[in-house]
C-alpha cells in the first residue's frame, strides 16, 4: 500500500514538473511573440 502511494506521488511530481516546464515554454514563446510584435510596430512607426 505504501509503495502505491509513493508511486502515485512520484507520478504527480513528474506530471507537475512537465506542466510547469510547458507553461514556462509557453510563457517564453508568448513574450517572444510580444517582443517581435513590438519590434514590428517600432519599425512601422520609424
N, C-alpha and C. Protein backbone atom coordinates (compact mmCIF):
# COMPACT_ATOMS: atom_id res chain seq x y z
N UNK A 1 0.83 -1.20 0.00
CA UNK A 1 0.00 0.00 0.00
C UNK A 1 0.87 1.26 0.00
N UNK A 2 1.86 1.27 0.87
CA UNK A 2 2.78 2.42 0.95
C UNK A 2 3.47 2.64 -0.40
N UNK A 3 3.82 1.54 -1.04
CA UNK A 3 4.51 1.62 -2.33
C UNK A 3 3.61 2.30 -3.37
N UNK A 4 2.32 1.93 -3.34
CA UNK A 4 1.37 2.52 -4.28
C UNK A 4 1.29 4.03 -4.09
N UNK A 5 1.22 4.45 -2.83
CA UNK A 5 1.11 5.89 -2.53
C UNK A 5 2.36 6.62 -3.04
N UNK A 6 3.54 6.03 -2.78
CA UNK A 6 4.79 6.65 -3.24
C UNK A 6 4.82 6.73 -4.76
N UNK A 7 4.36 5.65 -5.41
CA UNK A 7 4.34 5.62 -6.88
C UNK A 7 3.45 6.74 -7.42
N UNK A 8 2.27 6.87 -6.80
CA UNK A 8 1.34 7.91 -7.25
C UNK A 8 1.94 9.30 -7.04
N UNK A 9 2.61 9.50 -5.92
CA UNK A 9 3.23 10.80 -5.63
C UNK A 9 4.31 11.11 -6.66
N UNK A 10 5.12 10.11 -7.01
CA UNK A 10 6.18 10.35 -7.98
C UNK A 10 5.58 10.66 -9.36
N UNK A 11 4.46 9.99 -9.69
CA UNK A 11 3.78 10.27 -10.96
C UNK A 11 3.27 11.72 -10.96
N UNK A 12 2.67 12.13 -9.85
CA UNK A 12 2.16 13.51 -9.74
C UNK A 12 3.30 14.50 -9.89
N UNK A 13 4.44 14.18 -9.26
CA UNK A 13 5.59 15.06 -9.33
C UNK A 13 6.07 15.20 -10.77
N UNK A 14 6.13 14.07 -11.49
CA UNK A 14 6.55 14.11 -12.90
C UNK A 14 5.59 14.95 -13.71
N UNK A 15 4.29 14.71 -13.52
CA UNK A 15 3.27 15.44 -14.28
C UNK A 15 3.35 16.93 -14.01
N UNK A 16 3.45 17.29 -12.72
CA UNK A 16 3.50 18.72 -12.38
C UNK A 16 4.77 19.37 -12.93
N UNK A 17 5.88 18.62 -12.93
CA UNK A 17 7.12 19.15 -13.49
C UNK A 17 6.96 19.43 -14.98
N UNK A 18 6.33 18.48 -15.68
CA UNK A 18 6.11 18.64 -17.12
C UNK A 18 5.20 19.83 -17.38
N UNK A 19 4.15 19.96 -16.55
CA UNK A 19 3.21 21.08 -16.72
C UNK A 19 3.92 22.41 -16.52
N UNK A 20 4.74 22.48 -15.46
CA UNK A 20 5.46 23.72 -15.17
C UNK A 20 6.41 24.07 -16.32
N UNK A 21 7.11 23.05 -16.83
CA UNK A 21 8.01 23.28 -17.95
C UNK A 21 7.25 23.77 -19.18
N UNK A 22 6.10 23.14 -19.43
CA UNK A 22 5.28 23.53 -20.59
C UNK A 22 4.82 24.98 -20.45
N UNK A 23 4.39 25.35 -19.25
CA UNK A 23 3.93 26.73 -19.01
C UNK A 23 5.08 27.71 -19.21
N UNK A 24 6.27 27.33 -18.72
CA UNK A 24 7.43 28.21 -18.90
C UNK A 24 7.75 28.38 -20.38
N UNK A 25 7.71 27.29 -21.12
CA UNK A 25 7.99 27.35 -22.56
C UNK A 25 6.95 28.24 -23.25
N UNK A 26 5.67 28.05 -22.89
CA UNK A 26 4.61 28.87 -23.48
C UNK A 26 4.82 30.33 -23.14
N UNK A 27 5.16 30.59 -21.87
CA UNK A 27 5.40 31.96 -21.43
C UNK A 27 6.51 32.59 -22.27
N UNK A 28 7.58 31.82 -22.47
CA UNK A 28 8.72 32.33 -23.22
C UNK A 28 8.30 32.64 -24.66
N UNK A 29 7.55 31.74 -25.27
CA UNK A 29 7.14 31.96 -26.65
C UNK A 29 6.17 33.14 -26.74
N UNK A 30 5.32 33.28 -25.72
CA UNK A 30 4.38 34.41 -25.72
C UNK A 30 5.14 35.72 -25.60
N UNK A 31 6.10 35.77 -24.68
CA UNK A 31 6.87 37.01 -24.51
C UNK A 31 7.72 37.27 -25.75
N UNK A 32 8.20 36.18 -26.39
CA UNK A 32 8.97 36.32 -27.62
C UNK A 32 8.10 36.90 -28.73
N UNK A 33 6.85 36.40 -28.82
CA UNK A 33 5.91 36.90 -29.83
C UNK A 33 5.61 38.37 -29.57
N UNK A 34 5.41 38.72 -28.31
CA UNK A 34 5.16 40.13 -27.96
C UNK A 34 6.35 40.99 -28.34
N UNK A 35 7.54 40.46 -28.08
CA UNK A 35 8.77 41.17 -28.42
C UNK A 35 8.85 41.44 -29.92
N UNK A 36 8.53 40.39 -30.71
CA UNK A 36 8.53 40.54 -32.17
C UNK A 36 7.48 41.56 -32.61
N UNK A 37 6.30 41.50 -31.98
CA UNK A 37 5.22 42.42 -32.32
C UNK A 37 5.62 43.86 -32.05
N UNK A 38 6.23 44.09 -30.89
CA UNK A 38 6.69 45.43 -30.53
C UNK A 38 7.74 45.90 -31.53
N UNK A 39 8.64 44.98 -31.91
CA UNK A 39 9.68 45.33 -32.89
C UNK A 39 9.07 45.76 -34.21
N UNK A 40 8.05 45.01 -34.65
CA UNK A 40 7.38 45.35 -35.91
C UNK A 40 6.71 46.71 -35.83
N UNK A 41 6.02 46.95 -34.73
CA UNK A 41 5.33 48.24 -34.55
C UNK A 41 6.34 49.38 -34.56
N UNK A 42 7.48 49.18 -33.88
CA UNK A 42 8.50 50.22 -33.84
C UNK A 42 9.07 50.48 -35.24
N UNK A 43 9.27 49.41 -36.00
CA UNK A 43 9.79 49.58 -37.36
C UNK A 43 8.80 50.36 -38.22
N UNK A 44 7.51 50.07 -38.03
CA UNK A 44 6.49 50.78 -38.80
C UNK A 44 6.43 52.26 -38.39
N UNK A 45 6.60 52.50 -37.09
CA UNK A 45 6.50 53.88 -36.57
C UNK A 45 7.67 54.73 -37.06
N UNK A 46 8.83 54.09 -37.21
CA UNK A 46 10.02 54.86 -37.58
C UNK A 46 9.94 55.25 -39.05
